[in-house]
PDB file of N, CA and C in Angstrom:
ATOM      1  N   MET A   1       3.137 -17.940  -5.282  1.00  0.00           N
ATOM      2  CA  MET A   1       2.414 -19.076  -5.811  1.00  0.00           C
ATOM      3  C   MET A   1       1.065 -18.594  -6.347  1.00  0.00           C
ATOM      4  N   VAL A   2       0.714 -19.111  -7.493  1.00  0.00           N
ATOM      5  CA  VAL A   2      -0.554 -18.765  -8.128  1.00  0.00           C
ATOM      6  C   VAL A   2      -1.440 -19.999  -8.127  1.00  0.00           C
ATOM      7  N   ARG A   3      -2.710 -19.791  -7.782  1.00  0.00           N
ATOM      8  CA  ARG A   3      -3.667 -20.893  -7.806  1.00  0.00           C
ATOM      9  C   ARG A   3      -5.004 -20.375  -8.312  1.00  0.00           C
ATOM     10  N   LYS A   4      -5.537 -21.039  -9.316  1.00  0.00           N
ATOM     11  CA  LYS A   4      -6.814 -20.659  -9.932  1.00  0.00           C
ATOM     12  C   LYS A   4      -6.802 -19.197 -10.391  1.00  0.00           C
ATOM     13  N   GLY A   5      -5.679 -18.773 -10.944  1.00  0.00           N
ATOM     14  CA  GLY A   5      -5.580 -17.427 -11.490  1.00  0.00           C
ATOM     15  C   GLY A   5      -5.368 -16.325 -10.474  1.00  0.00           C
ATOM     16  N   ARG A   6      -5.189 -16.668  -9.235  1.00  0.00           N
ATOM     17  CA  ARG A   6      -4.991 -15.650  -8.197  1.00  0.00           C
ATOM     18  C   ARG A   6      -3.561 -15.730  -7.680  1.00  0.00           C
ATOM     19  N   ASN A   7      -2.863 -14.600  -7.761  1.00  0.00           N
ATOM     20  CA  ASN A   7      -1.516 -14.591  -7.230  1.00  0.00           C
ATOM     21  C   ASN A   7      -1.536 -14.498  -5.698  1.00  0.00           C
ATOM     22  N   ARG A   8      -0.420 -14.736  -5.079  1.00  0.00           N
ATOM     23  CA  ARG A   8      -0.284 -14.741  -3.613  1.00  0.00           C
ATOM     24  C   ARG A   8      -1.262 -15.716  -2.957  1.00  0.00           C
ATOM     25  N   ALA A   9      -1.488 -16.849  -3.591  1.00  0.00           N
ATOM     26  CA  ALA A   9      -2.473 -17.824  -3.116  1.00  0.00           C
ATOM     27  C   ALA A   9      -2.157 -18.318  -1.702  1.00  0.00           C
ATOM     28  N   LEU A  10      -0.894 -18.558  -1.406  1.00  0.00           N
ATOM     29  CA  LEU A  10      -0.522 -19.049  -0.083  1.00  0.00           C
ATOM     30  C   LEU A  10      -0.855 -18.019   0.995  1.00  0.00           C
ATOM     31  N   ALA A  11      -0.526 -16.777   0.745  1.00  0.00           N
ATOM     32  CA  ALA A  11      -0.829 -15.718   1.714  1.00  0.00           C
ATOM     33  C   ALA A  11      -2.335 -15.526   1.853  1.00  0.00           C
ATOM     34  N   ARG A  12      -3.047 -15.584   0.758  1.00  0.00           N
ATOM     35  CA  ARG A  12      -4.509 -15.442   0.814  1.00  0.00           C
ATOM     36  C   ARG A  12      -5.131 -16.538   1.676  1.00  0.00           C
ATOM     37  N   ARG A  13      -4.656 -17.769   1.464  1.00  0.00           N
ATOM     38  CA  ARG A  13      -5.199 -18.878   2.249  1.00  0.00           C
ATOM     39  C   ARG A  13      -4.854 -18.718   3.727  1.00  0.00           C
ATOM     40  N   ALA A  14      -3.641 -18.287   4.016  1.00  0.00           N
ATOM     41  CA  ALA A  14      -3.212 -18.135   5.409  1.00  0.00           C
ATOM     42  C   ALA A  14      -3.997 -17.053   6.137  1.00  0.00           C
ATOM     43  N   PHE A  15      -4.300 -15.960   5.443  1.00  0.00           N
ATOM     44  CA  PHE A  15      -4.970 -14.836   6.096  1.00  0.00           C
ATOM     45  C   PHE A  15      -6.475 -14.788   5.854  1.00  0.00           C
ATOM     46  N   ALA A  16      -7.001 -15.714   5.097  1.00  0.00           N
ATOM     47  CA  ALA A  16      -8.427 -15.723   4.756  1.00  0.00           C
ATOM     48  C   ALA A  16      -9.355 -15.596   5.963  1.00  0.00           C
ATOM     49  N   PRO A  17      -9.066 -16.271   7.077  1.00  0.00           N
ATOM     50  CA  PRO A  17      -9.973 -16.133   8.222  1.00  0.00           C
ATOM     51  C   PRO A  17      -9.991 -14.732   8.836  1.00  0.00           C
ATOM     52  N   HIS A  18      -8.991 -13.921   8.499  1.00  0.00           N
ATOM     53  CA  HIS A  18      -8.852 -12.611   9.138  1.00  0.00           C
ATOM     54  C   HIS A  18      -9.157 -11.441   8.210  1.00  0.00           C
ATOM     55  N   LEU A  19      -9.476 -11.734   6.958  1.00  0.00           N
ATOM     56  CA  LEU A  19      -9.726 -10.683   5.967  1.00  0.00           C
ATOM     57  C   LEU A  19     -11.132 -10.790   5.395  1.00  0.00           C
ATOM     58  N   PRO A  20     -11.674  -9.647   4.942  1.00  0.00           N
ATOM     59  CA  PRO A  20     -12.969  -9.698   4.257  1.00  0.00           C
ATOM     60  C   PRO A  20     -12.856 -10.558   2.993  1.00  0.00           C
ATOM     61  N   ARG A  21     -13.915 -11.262   2.694  1.00  0.00           N
ATOM     62  CA  ARG A  21     -13.935 -12.167   1.544  1.00  0.00           C
ATOM     63  C   ARG A  21     -13.574 -11.446   0.246  1.00  0.00           C
ATOM     64  N   ALA A  22     -14.035 -10.202   0.092  1.00  0.00           N
ATOM     65  CA  ALA A  22     -13.759  -9.440  -1.133  1.00  0.00           C
ATOM     66  C   ALA A  22     -12.261  -9.235  -1.339  1.00  0.00           C
ATOM     67  N   ILE A  23     -11.522  -9.063  -0.272  1.00  0.00           N
ATOM     68  CA  ILE A  23     -10.072  -8.883  -0.392  1.00  0.00           C
ATOM     69  C   ILE A  23      -9.403 -10.208  -0.718  1.00  0.00           C
ATOM     70  N   VAL A  24      -9.802 -11.251  -0.064  1.00  0.00           N
ATOM     71  CA  VAL A  24      -9.210 -12.566  -0.306  1.00  0.00           C
ATOM     72  C   VAL A  24      -9.425 -12.993  -1.753  1.00  0.00           C
ATOM     73  N   GLU A  25     -10.566 -12.666  -2.337  1.00  0.00           N
ATOM     74  CA  GLU A  25     -10.902 -13.137  -3.677  1.00  0.00           C
ATOM     75  C   GLU A  25     -10.627 -12.136  -4.799  1.00  0.00           C
ATOM     76  N   ARG A  26     -10.184 -10.943  -4.476  1.00  0.00           N
ATOM     77  CA  ARG A  26      -9.986  -9.961  -5.548  1.00  0.00           C
ATOM     78  C   ARG A  26      -8.864 -10.391  -6.481  1.00  0.00           C
ATOM     79  N   ARG A  27      -8.986  -9.930  -7.723  1.00  0.00           N
ATOM     80  CA  ARG A  27      -7.999 -10.281  -8.751  1.00  0.00           C
ATOM     81  C   ARG A  27      -7.117  -9.107  -9.134  1.00  0.00           C
ATOM     82  N   SER A  28      -7.465  -7.916  -8.735  1.00  0.00           N
ATOM     83  CA  SER A  28      -6.635  -6.756  -9.062  1.00  0.00           C
ATOM     84  C   SER A  28      -6.692  -5.754  -7.920  1.00  0.00           C
ATOM     85  N   LYS A  29      -5.743  -4.863  -7.918  1.00  0.00           N
ATOM     86  CA  LYS A  29      -5.701  -3.798  -6.922  1.00  0.00           C
ATOM     87  C   LYS A  29      -6.235  -2.525  -7.537  1.00  0.00           C
ATOM     88  N   GLY A  30      -6.504  -1.579  -6.700  1.00  0.00           N
ATOM     89  CA  GLY A  30      -6.919  -0.274  -7.172  1.00  0.00           C
ATOM     90  C   GLY A  30      -5.728   0.501  -7.705  1.00  0.00           C
ATOM     91  N   THR A  31      -5.989   1.700  -8.137  1.00  0.00           N
ATOM     92  CA  THR A  31      -4.936   2.572  -8.639  1.00  0.00           C
ATOM     93  C   THR A  31      -4.682   3.678  -7.625  1.00  0.00           C
ATOM     94  N   PRO A  32      -3.613   4.424  -7.793  1.00  0.00           N
ATOM     95  CA  PRO A  32      -3.337   5.518  -6.859  1.00  0.00           C
ATOM     96  C   PRO A  32      -4.197   6.755  -7.105  1.00  0.00           C
ATOM     97  N   ASP A  33      -5.140   6.681  -8.038  1.00  0.00           N
ATOM     98  CA  ASP A  33      -5.938   7.848  -8.397  1.00  0.00           C
ATOM     99  C   ASP A  33      -6.655   8.476  -7.207  1.00  0.00           C
ATOM    100  N   SER A  34      -7.295   7.669  -6.387  1.00  0.00           N
ATOM    101  CA  SER A  34      -8.051   8.249  -5.273  1.00  0.00           C
ATOM    102  C   SER A  34      -7.117   8.893  -4.260  1.00  0.00           C
ATOM    103  N   PHE A  35      -5.958   8.278  -4.043  1.00  0.00           N
ATOM    104  CA  PHE A  35      -4.983   8.842  -3.116  1.00  0.00           C
ATOM    105  C   PHE A  35      -4.455  10.174  -3.651  1.00  0.00           C
ATOM    106  N   GLN A  36      -4.157  10.237  -4.941  1.00  0.00           N
ATOM    107  CA  GLN A  36      -3.694  11.483  -5.540  1.00  0.00           C
ATOM    108  C   GLN A  36      -4.774  12.557  -5.426  1.00  0.00           C
ATOM    109  N   GLY A  37      -6.012  12.166  -5.629  1.00  0.00           N
ATOM    110  CA  GLY A  37      -7.123  13.113  -5.496  1.00  0.00           C
ATOM    111  C   GLY A  37      -7.225  13.677  -4.091  1.00  0.00           C
ATOM    112  N   GLU A  38      -7.034  12.822  -3.099  1.00  0.00           N
ATOM    113  CA  GLU A  38      -7.074  13.280  -1.707  1.00  0.00           C
ATOM    114  C   GLU A  38      -5.951  14.264  -1.422  1.00  0.00           C
ATOM    115  N   ILE A  39      -4.769  13.972  -1.935  1.00  0.00           N
ATOM    116  CA  ILE A  39      -3.633  14.887  -1.754  1.00  0.00           C
ATOM    117  C   ILE A  39      -3.966  16.239  -2.376  1.00  0.00           C
ATOM    118  N   PHE A  40      -4.486  16.206  -3.600  1.00  0.00           N
ATOM    119  CA  PHE A  40      -4.807  17.454  -4.290  1.00  0.00           C
ATOM    120  C   PHE A  40      -5.876  18.243  -3.536  1.00  0.00           C
ATOM    121  N   GLU A  41      -6.906  17.579  -3.102  1.00  0.00           N
ATOM    122  CA  GLU A  41      -7.978  18.274  -2.393  1.00  0.00           C
ATOM    123  C   GLU A  41      -7.495  18.857  -1.070  1.00  0.00           C
ATOM    124  N   HIS A  42      -6.742  18.081  -0.332  1.00  0.00           N
ATOM    125  CA  HIS A  42      -6.288  18.513   1.000  1.00  0.00           C
ATOM    126  C   HIS A  42      -5.283  19.659   0.915  1.00  0.00           C
ATOM    127  N   HIS A  43      -4.428  19.642  -0.095  1.00  0.00           N
ATOM    128  CA  HIS A  43      -3.354  20.626  -0.214  1.00  0.00           C
ATOM    129  C   HIS A  43      -3.561  21.577  -1.392  1.00  0.00           C
ATOM    130  N   HIS A  44      -4.795  21.740  -1.801  1.00  0.00           N
ATOM    131  CA  HIS A  44      -5.156  22.529  -2.974  1.00  0.00           C
ATOM    132  C   HIS A  44      -4.492  23.906  -2.968  1.00  0.00           C
ATOM    133  N   ALA A  45      -4.652  24.662  -1.909  1.00  0.00           N
ATOM    134  CA  ALA A  45      -4.116  26.032  -1.846  1.00  0.00           C
ATOM    135  C   ALA A  45      -2.590  26.034  -1.875  1.00  0.00           C
ATOM    136  N   THR A  46      -1.976  25.123  -1.160  1.00  0.00           N
ATOM    137  CA  THR A  46      -0.512  25.050  -1.127  1.00  0.00           C
ATOM    138  C   THR A  46       0.041  24.707  -2.504  1.00  0.00           C
ATOM    139  N   LEU A  47      -0.586  23.721  -3.163  1.00  0.00           N
ATOM    140  CA  LEU A  47      -0.133  23.316  -4.489  1.00  0.00           C
ATOM    141  C   LEU A  47      -0.312  24.451  -5.494  1.00  0.00           C
ATOM    142  N   ARG A  48      -1.434  25.158  -5.395  1.00  0.00           N
ATOM    143  CA  ARG A  48      -1.691  26.301  -6.282  1.00  0.00           C
ATOM    144  C   ARG A  48      -0.601  27.356  -6.108  1.00  0.00           C
ATOM    145  N   ASP A  49      -0.341  27.733  -4.853  1.00  0.00           N
ATOM    146  CA  ASP A  49       0.668  28.760  -4.592  1.00  0.00           C
ATOM    147  C   ASP A  49       2.055  28.302  -5.033  1.00  0.00           C
ATOM    148  N   MET A  50       2.337  27.040  -4.834  1.00  0.00           N
ATOM    149  CA  MET A  50       3.639  26.489  -5.201  1.00  0.00           C
ATOM    150  C   MET A  50       3.861  26.572  -6.711  1.00  0.00           C
ATOM    151  N   LEU A  51       2.861  26.183  -7.485  1.00  0.00           N
ATOM    152  CA  LEU A  51       3.014  26.189  -8.936  1.00  0.00           C
ATOM    153  C   LEU A  51       2.912  27.590  -9.532  1.00  0.00           C
ATOM    154  N   LEU A  52       1.951  28.365  -9.084  1.00  0.00           N
ATOM    155  CA  LEU A  52       1.747  29.684  -9.685  1.00  0.00           C
ATOM    156  C   LEU A  52       2.841  30.672  -9.296  1.00  0.00           C
ATOM    157  N   GLY A  53       3.526  30.414  -8.186  1.00  0.00           N
ATOM    158  CA  GLY A  53       4.573  31.333  -7.744  1.00  0.00           C
ATOM    159  C   GLY A  53       5.948  30.706  -7.702  1.00  0.00           C
ATOM    160  N   GLY A  54       6.171  29.665  -8.467  1.00  0.00           N
ATOM    161  CA  GLY A  54       7.425  28.933  -8.384  1.00  0.00           C
ATOM    162  C   GLY A  54       8.368  29.157  -9.544  1.00  0.00           C
ATOM    163  N   ALA A  55       9.409  28.354  -9.555  1.00  0.00           N
ATOM    164  CA  ALA A  55      10.468  28.443 -10.561  1.00  0.00           C
ATOM    165  C   ALA A  55       9.955  28.139 -11.962  1.00  0.00           C
ATOM    166  N   LEU A  56       9.071  27.166 -12.090  1.00  0.00           N
ATOM    167  CA  LEU A  56       8.527  26.839 -13.412  1.00  0.00           C
ATOM    168  C   LEU A  56       7.781  28.037 -13.999  1.00  0.00           C
ATOM    169  N   ALA A  57       7.016  28.705 -13.157  1.00  0.00           N
ATOM    170  CA  ALA A  57       6.283  29.900 -13.596  1.00  0.00           C
ATOM    171  C   ALA A  57       7.258  31.039 -13.898  1.00  0.00           C
ATOM    172  N   ASP A  58       8.245  31.225 -13.028  1.00  0.00           N
ATOM    173  CA  ASP A  58       9.237  32.296 -13.231  1.00  0.00           C
ATOM    174  C   ASP A  58       9.949  32.155 -14.567  1.00  0.00           C
ATOM    175  N   GLN A  59      10.190  30.939 -14.988  1.00  0.00           N
ATOM    176  CA  GLN A  59      10.915  30.681 -16.233  1.00  0.00           C
ATOM    177  C   GLN A  59       9.995  30.576 -17.451  1.00  0.00           C
ATOM    178  N   GLY A  60       8.688  30.737 -17.235  1.00  0.00           N
ATOM    179  CA  GLY A  60       7.734  30.667 -18.339  1.00  0.00           C
ATOM    180  C   GLY A  60       7.549  29.265 -18.892  1.00  0.00           C
ATOM    181  N   LEU A  61       7.796  28.261 -18.057  1.00  0.00           N
ATOM    182  CA  LEU A  61       7.720  26.874 -18.511  1.00  0.00           C
ATOM    183  C   LEU A  61       6.343  26.246 -18.340  1.00  0.00           C
ATOM    184  N   ILE A  62       5.453  26.944 -17.668  1.00  0.00           N
ATOM    185  CA  ILE A  62       4.085  26.446 -17.507  1.00  0.00           C
ATOM    186  C   ILE A  62       3.115  27.544 -17.928  1.00  0.00           C
ATOM    187  N   ASP A  63       1.942  27.141 -18.308  1.00  0.00           N
ATOM    188  CA  ASP A  63       0.898  28.050 -18.761  1.00  0.00           C
ATOM    189  C   ASP A  63       0.137  28.561 -17.532  1.00  0.00           C
ATOM    190  N   LEU A  64       0.511  29.756 -17.072  1.00  0.00           N
ATOM    191  CA  LEU A  64      -0.091  30.305 -15.851  1.00  0.00           C
ATOM    192  C   LEU A  64      -1.589  30.534 -15.983  1.00  0.00           C
ATOM    193  N   SER A  65      -2.049  31.011 -17.112  1.00  0.00           N
ATOM    194  CA  SER A  65      -3.490  31.269 -17.252  1.00  0.00           C
ATOM    195  C   SER A  65      -4.271  29.962 -17.198  1.00  0.00           C
ATOM    196  N   ARG A  66      -3.736  28.934 -17.818  1.00  0.00           N
ATOM    197  CA  ARG A  66      -4.412  27.629 -17.773  1.00  0.00           C
ATOM    198  C   ARG A  66      -4.414  27.060 -16.348  1.00  0.00           C
ATOM    199  N   LEU A  67      -3.267  27.131 -15.667  1.00  0.00           N
ATOM    200  CA  LEU A  67      -3.211  26.622 -14.295  1.00  0.00           C
ATOM    201  C   LEU A  67      -4.117  27.416 -13.364  1.00  0.00           C
ATOM    202  N   THR A  68      -4.216  28.713 -13.575  1.00  0.00           N
ATOM    203  CA  THR A  68      -5.123  29.525 -12.761  1.00  0.00           C
ATOM    204  C   THR A  68      -6.557  29.045 -12.947  1.00  0.00           C
ATOM    205  N   ARG A  69      -6.929  28.763 -14.191  1.00  0.00           N
ATOM    206  CA  ARG A  69      -8.280  28.239 -14.457  1.00  0.00           C
ATOM    207  C   ARG A  69      -8.470  26.871 -13.808  1.00  0.00           C
ATOM    208  N   VAL A  70      -7.446  26.015 -13.908  1.00  0.00           N
ATOM    209  CA  VAL A  70      -7.533  24.672 -13.324  1.00  0.00           C
ATOM    210  C   VAL A  70      -7.745  24.763 -11.816  1.00  0.00           C
ATOM    211  N   PHE A  71      -6.977  25.612 -11.157  1.00  0.00           N
ATOM    212  CA  PHE A  71      -7.091  25.728  -9.704  1.00  0.00           C
ATOM    213  C   PHE A  71      -8.353  26.474  -9.272  1.00  0.00           C
ATOM    214  N   SER A  72      -8.985  27.176 -10.195  1.00  0.00           N
ATOM    215  CA  SER A  72     -10.254  27.848  -9.890  1.00  0.00           C
ATOM    216  C   SER A  72     -11.443  26.946 -10.172  1.00  0.00           C
ATOM    217  N   GLY A  73     -11.191  25.829 -10.838  1.00  0.00           N
ATOM    218  CA  GLY A  73     -12.259  24.918 -11.234  1.00  0.00           C
ATOM    219  C   GLY A  73     -12.708  24.008 -10.106  1.00  0.00           C
ATOM    220  N   PRO A  74     -13.582  23.102 -10.451  1.00  0.00           N
ATOM    221  CA  PRO A  74     -14.132  22.199  -9.438  1.00  0.00           C
ATOM    222  C   PRO A  74     -13.087  21.217  -8.897  1.00  0.00           C
ATOM    223  N   VAL A  75     -13.236  20.941  -7.642  1.00  0.00           N
ATOM    224  CA  VAL A  75     -12.423  19.907  -6.982  1.00  0.00           C
ATOM    225  C   VAL A  75     -13.428  18.891  -6.482  1.00  0.00           C
ATOM    226  N   PRO A  76     -13.302  17.631  -6.722  1.00  0.00           N
ATOM    227  CA  PRO A  76     -12.141  16.947  -7.284  1.00  0.00           C
ATOM    228  C   PRO A  76     -12.069  17.063  -8.795  1.00  0.00           C
ATOM    229  N   MET A  77     -10.874  16.835  -9.292  1.00  0.00           N
ATOM    230  CA  MET A  77     -10.601  16.859 -10.725  1.00  0.00           C
ATOM    231  C   MET A  77     -10.526  15.424 -11.235  1.00  0.00           C
ATOM    232  N   ALA A  78     -10.459  15.301 -12.550  1.00  0.00           N
ATOM    233  CA  ALA A  78     -10.300  13.977 -13.158  1.00  0.00           C
ATOM    234  C   ALA A  78      -8.911  13.430 -12.816  1.00  0.00           C
ATOM    235  N   PRO A  79      -8.813  12.129 -12.538  1.00  0.00           N
ATOM    236  CA  PRO A  79      -7.527  11.544 -12.137  1.00  0.00           C
ATOM    237  C   PRO A  79      -6.345  11.854 -13.045  1.00  0.00           C
ATOM    238  N   PRO A  80      -6.484  11.816 -14.380  1.00  0.00           N
ATOM    239  CA  PRO A  80      -5.302  12.128 -15.196  1.00  0.00           C
ATOM    240  C   PRO A  80      -4.813  13.561 -14.984  1.00  0.00           C
ATOM    241  N   ASP A  81      -5.752  14.483 -14.771  1.00  0.00           N
ATOM    242  CA  ASP A  81      -5.380  15.885 -14.553  1.00  0.00           C
ATOM    243  C   ASP A  81      -4.650  16.052 -13.230  1.00  0.00           C
ATOM    244  N   VAL A  82      -5.119  15.375 -12.201  1.00  0.00           N
ATOM    245  CA  VAL A  82      -4.463  15.456 -10.894  1.00  0.00           C
ATOM    246  C   VAL A  82      -3.052  14.888 -10.991  1.00  0.00           C
ATOM    247  N   GLY A  83      -2.915  13.765 -11.655  1.00  0.00           N
ATOM    248  CA  GLY A  83      -1.593  13.165 -11.815  1.00  0.00           C
ATOM    249  C   GLY A  83      -0.638  14.100 -12.539  1.00  0.00           C
ATOM    250  N   SER A  84      -1.113  14.767 -13.581  1.00  0.00           N
ATOM    251  CA  SER A  84      -0.271  15.710 -14.323  1.00  0.00           C
ATOM    252  C   SER A  84       0.153  16.874 -13.445  1.00  0.00           C
ATOM    253  N   LEU A  85      -0.774  17.404 -12.677  1.00  0.00           N
ATOM    254  CA  LEU A  85      -0.439  18.503 -11.778  1.00  0.00           C
ATOM    255  C   LEU A  85       0.563  18.075 -10.717  1.00  0.00           C
ATOM    256  N   LEU A  86       0.380  16.894 -10.172  1.00  0.00           N
ATOM    257  CA  LEU A  86       1.296  16.428  -9.138  1.00  0.00           C
ATOM    258  C   LEU A  86       2.693  16.181  -9.703  1.00  0.00           C
ATOM    259  N   ARG A  87       2.787  15.814 -10.964  1.00  0.00           N
ATOM    260  CA  ARG A  87       4.119  15.688 -11.585  1.00  0.00           C
ATOM    261  C   ARG A  87       4.784  17.060 -11.700  1.00  0.00           C
ATOM    262  N   LEU A  88       4.001  18.092 -12.030  1.00  0.00           N
ATOM    263  CA  LEU A  88       4.550  19.450 -12.055  1.00  0.00           C
ATOM    264  C   LEU A  88       5.000  19.877 -10.655  1.00  0.00           C
ATOM    265  N   VAL A  89       4.206  19.540  -9.657  1.00  0.00           N
ATOM    266  CA  VAL A  89       4.568  19.865  -8.273  1.00  0.00           C
ATOM    267  C   VAL A  89       5.870  19.159  -7.892  1.00  0.00           C
ATOM    268  N   ASP A  90       6.021  17.929  -8.341  1.00  0.00           N
ATOM    269  CA  ASP A  90       7.240  17.180  -8.063  1.00  0.00           C
ATOM    270  C   ASP A  90       8.457  17.885  -8.666  1.00  0.00           C
ATOM    271  N   VAL A  91       8.328  18.340  -9.895  1.00  0.00           N
ATOM    272  CA  VAL A  91       9.427  19.064 -10.541  1.00  0.00           C
ATOM    273  C   VAL A  91       9.699  20.369  -9.802  1.00  0.00           C
ATOM    274  N   GLU A  92       8.653  21.067  -9.437  1.00  0.00           N
ATOM    275  CA  GLU A  92       8.807  22.331  -8.708  1.00  0.00           C
ATOM    276  C   GLU A  92       9.521  22.098  -7.369  1.00  0.00           C
ATOM    277  N   ALA A  93       9.141  21.076  -6.665  1.00  0.00           N
ATOM    278  CA  ALA A  93       9.788  20.766  -5.383  1.00  0.00           C
ATOM    279  C   ALA A  93      11.262  20.435  -5.600  1.00  0.00           C
ATOM    280  N   TRP A  94      11.551  19.704  -6.676  1.00  0.00           N
ATOM    281  CA  TRP A  94      12.942  19.356  -6.987  1.00  0.00           C
ATOM    282  C   TRP A  94      13.746  20.622  -7.292  1.00  0.00           C
ATOM    283  N   LEU A  95      13.168  21.518  -8.078  1.00  0.00           N
ATOM    284  CA  LEU A  95      13.856  22.766  -8.403  1.00  0.00           C
ATOM    285  C   LEU A  95      14.130  23.589  -7.150  1.00  0.00           C
ATOM    286  N   ARG A  96      13.167  23.628  -6.247  1.00  0.00           N
ATOM    287  CA  ARG A  96      13.331  24.400  -5.009  1.00  0.00           C
ATOM    288  C   ARG A  96      14.379  23.800  -4.088  1.00  0.00           C
ATOM    289  N   SER A  97      14.667  22.533  -4.270  1.00  0.00           N
ATOM    290  CA  SER A  97      15.665  21.904  -3.403  1.00  0.00           C
ATOM    291  C   SER A  97      17.091  22.105  -3.926  1.00  0.00           C
ATOM    292  N   ALA A  98      17.211  22.727  -5.105  1.00  0.00           N
ATOM    293  CA  ALA A  98      18.526  22.956  -5.697  1.00  0.00           C
ATOM    294  C   ALA A  98      19.333  23.917  -4.819  1.00  0.00           C
ATOM    295  N   PRO A  99      20.645  23.673  -4.714  1.00  0.00           N
ATOM    296  CA  PRO A  99      21.489  24.580  -3.931  1.00  0.00           C
ATOM    297  C   PRO A  99      21.370  26.011  -4.419  1.00  0.00           C
ATOM    298  N   GLY A 100      21.276  26.930  -3.481  1.00  0.00           N
ATOM    299  CA  GLY A 100      21.183  28.353  -3.812  1.00  0.00           C
ATOM    300  C   GLY A 100      19.780  28.836  -4.057  1.00  0.00           C
ATOM    301  N   ARG A 101      18.803  27.965  -4.082  1.00  0.00           N
ATOM    302  CA  ARG A 101      17.409  28.364  -4.314  1.00  0.00           C
ATOM    303  C   ARG A 101      16.643  28.185  -3.017  1.00  0.00           C
ATOM    304  N   HIS A 102      16.074  29.257  -2.499  1.00  0.00           N
ATOM    305  CA  HIS A 102      15.324  29.170  -1.234  1.00  0.00           C
ATOM    306  C   HIS A 102      13.970  29.796  -1.429  1.00  0.00           C
ATOM    307  N   GLU A 103      12.921  29.024  -1.187  1.00  0.00           N
ATOM    308  CA  GLU A 103      11.544  29.515  -1.308  1.00  0.00           C
ATOM    309  C   GLU A 103      10.777  29.078  -0.103  1.00  0.00           C
TER     310      GLU A 103
END
């Protein structure tokens, strides 16, 4: 149910006494950017080793010199860059899960 431009109006009204006013009245949610940034920062070394020493690198499908510079650069990175790297990590993880491939 929508009321006065706010979706989930019934739930907001029901939980209003138990939630901060800013949450009850917000009109949009955040993005996953900060969460992706935390993942990248926390697992920086693992992600670097995974990409620089993985199947994508072995097959010449990624630019190793560019990724080396990226992983040597400042952390945190810009959200679009982190998202792009995490998509590469996702592909790398998928490749490593293929039968006959053990890393």
